[in-house]
Amino acid sequence: MSRLRPELLQWYGLLGAALAWAAQHVITFGAGYAHCLSASRHWGIDVSTWTIVMTAVGLLFALLAEAAAVTVLLETRGVEYDGEPPLARRHFFALAAALGNVLFIVAIVLNAVGALSFADCRQA
């Protein structure tokens, strides 16, 4: 087993990428909204800089969550996901997290592409 508690790795692997995507999405949206709002335009918020920084940080935390999920998956590889708890539960969560983290990594990248390609302000 690794030096970290397996439960912490399991939960970070399951929730880390989702929280990283949520933080990146909210902060990037807020920066874009503040940039386009006339009342806060004088703040000088650069949407591109905030998007790039938050994407890098979000990807780092999401990749660490994927590494945690794969670590737990490898540590429990001989266990069936419907076997006896707690190892079977860890194995099941690690399987779900390994797939889910890939989806959140793609969502982080797509969010960045959308924010960077639509950085100018338009009224609907």
Protein backbone atom coordinates (compact mmCIF):
# COMPACT_ATOMS: atom_id res chain seq x y z
CA MET A 1 0.00 0.00 0.00
CA SER A 2 1.08 3.56 -0.52
CA ARG A 3 2.06 5.90 2.29
CA LEU A 4 -1.25 7.78 2.09
CA ARG A 5 -4.35 6.23 3.58
CA PRO A 6 -6.20 4.26 0.91
CA GLU A 7 -9.49 5.94 1.83
CA LEU A 8 -8.03 9.39 1.11
CA LEU A 9 -6.70 8.25 -2.24
CA GLN A 10 -10.06 6.69 -3.06
CA TRP A 11 -12.06 9.82 -2.29
CA TYR A 12 -9.60 12.21 -3.91
CA GLY A 13 -9.54 9.99 -6.97
CA LEU A 14 -13.33 10.05 -7.11
CA LEU A 15 -13.96 13.73 -6.37
CA GLY A 16 -10.74 15.60 -7.19
CA ALA A 17 -11.22 16.07 -10.92
CA ALA A 18 -14.87 17.08 -10.51
CA LEU A 19 -13.94 19.75 -7.98
CA ALA A 20 -11.07 20.94 -10.19
CA TRP A 21 -13.42 21.29 -13.17
CA ALA A 22 -16.04 23.10 -11.07
CA ALA A 23 -13.48 25.58 -9.71
CA GLN A 24 -12.00 26.18 -13.16
CA HIS A 25 -15.43 26.66 -14.70
CA VAL A 26 -16.69 29.09 -12.04
CA ILE A 27 -13.53 31.20 -11.95
CA THR A 28 -13.21 31.32 -15.75
CA PHE A 29 -16.88 32.26 -16.10
CA GLY A 30 -16.49 34.92 -13.42
CA ALA A 31 -13.45 36.40 -15.11
CA GLY A 32 -15.26 36.54 -18.45
CA TYR A 33 -18.34 38.08 -16.87
CA ALA A 34 -16.29 40.68 -14.99
CA HIS A 35 -14.38 41.51 -18.17
CA CYS A 36 -17.56 42.14 -20.16
CA LEU A 37 -19.57 43.93 -17.48
CA SER A 38 -19.26 47.69 -17.83
CA ALA A 39 -19.25 48.23 -14.05
CA SER A 40 -16.17 46.04 -13.53
CA ARG A 41 -14.32 46.65 -16.78
CA HIS A 42 -12.00 49.13 -15.03
CA TRP A 43 -10.58 46.28 -12.93
CA GLY A 44 -8.55 45.18 -15.95
CA ILE A 45 -9.24 41.44 -15.63
CA ASP A 46 -7.57 39.57 -18.47
CA VAL A 47 -9.76 36.60 -19.39
CA SER A 48 -7.01 34.81 -21.29
CA THR A 49 -4.58 34.91 -18.38
CA TRP A 50 -7.17 33.70 -15.87
CA THR A 51 -8.31 30.96 -18.25
CA ILE A 52 -4.81 29.68 -18.92
CA VAL A 53 -3.80 29.71 -15.25
CA MET A 54 -7.01 28.05 -14.06
CA THR A 55 -6.80 25.46 -16.83
CA ALA A 56 -3.24 24.57 -15.85
CA VAL A 57 -4.16 24.32 -12.16
CA GLY A 58 -7.35 22.38 -12.94
CA LEU A 59 -5.51 19.94 -15.17
CA LEU A 60 -2.84 19.42 -12.52
CA PHE A 61 -5.42 18.55 -9.85
CA ALA A 62 -7.42 16.40 -12.28
CA LEU A 63 -4.33 14.46 -13.36
CA LEU A 64 -3.40 13.94 -9.71
CA ALA A 65 -6.92 12.61 -9.11
CA GLU A 66 -6.50 10.23 -12.04
CA ALA A 67 -3.18 9.07 -10.62
CA ALA A 68 -4.84 8.49 -7.23
CA ALA A 69 -7.65 6.49 -8.86
CA VAL A 70 -5.21 4.36 -10.85
CA THR A 71 -3.10 3.79 -7.72
CA VAL A 72 -6.12 2.49 -5.81
CA LEU A 73 -7.17 0.45 -8.84
CA LEU A 74 -3.75 -1.19 -9.04
CA GLU A 75 -3.67 -1.85 -5.29
CA THR A 76 -7.04 -3.61 -5.48
CA ARG A 77 -6.69 -5.29 -8.86
CA GLY A 78 -7.25 -8.79 -7.48
CA VAL A 79 -10.56 -7.85 -5.87
CA GLU A 80 -13.95 -8.09 -7.57
CA TYR A 81 -15.96 -4.87 -7.40
CA ASP A 82 -18.94 -6.72 -5.93
CA GLY A 83 -16.88 -8.56 -3.30
CA GLU A 84 -16.42 -7.95 0.41
CA PRO A 85 -16.05 -4.35 1.63
CA PRO A 86 -13.95 -2.24 2.06
CA LEU A 87 -11.53 -3.42 -0.66
CA ALA A 88 -14.32 -4.17 -3.14
CA ARG A 89 -15.84 -0.75 -2.54
CA ARG A 90 -12.47 0.90 -3.13
CA HIS A 91 -12.03 -1.09 -6.33
CA PHE A 92 -15.50 -0.08 -7.56
CA PHE A 93 -14.93 3.61 -6.78
CA ALA A 94 -11.51 3.48 -8.44
CA LEU A 95 -13.03 2.04 -11.62
CA ALA A 96 -15.66 4.78 -11.68
CA ALA A 97 -13.11 7.48 -10.88
CA ALA A 98 -10.64 6.36 -13.56
CA LEU A 99 -13.32 6.78 -16.23
CA GLY A 100 -14.92 9.88 -14.74
CA ASN A 101 -11.61 11.69 -14.38
CA VAL A 102 -10.93 11.31 -18.10
CA LEU A 103 -14.28 12.95 -18.80
CA PHE A 104 -13.53 15.83 -16.43
CA ILE A 105 -10.09 16.34 -17.98
CA VAL A 106 -11.77 16.66 -21.38
CA ALA A 107 -14.34 19.06 -19.86
CA ILE A 108 -11.54 21.24 -18.47
CA VAL A 109 -9.86 21.42 -21.86
CA LEU A 110 -13.14 22.14 -23.67
CA ASN A 111 -14.00 24.86 -21.17
CA ALA A 112 -10.63 26.50 -21.80
CA VAL A 113 -11.03 26.29 -25.57
CA GLY A 114 -14.47 27.88 -25.35
CA ALA A 115 -13.34 30.67 -23.05
CA LEU A 116 -10.24 31.47 -25.10
CA SER A 117 -11.99 31.41 -28.46
CA PHE A 118 -14.83 33.66 -27.28
CA ALA A 119 -12.92 36.29 -25.29
CA ASP A 120 -14.63 39.35 -26.80
CA CYS A 121 -17.83 40.79 -25.39
CA ARG A 122 -21.04 40.62 -27.41
CA GLN A 123 -24.52 41.67 -26.43
CA ALA A 124 -27.30 39.18 -27.12
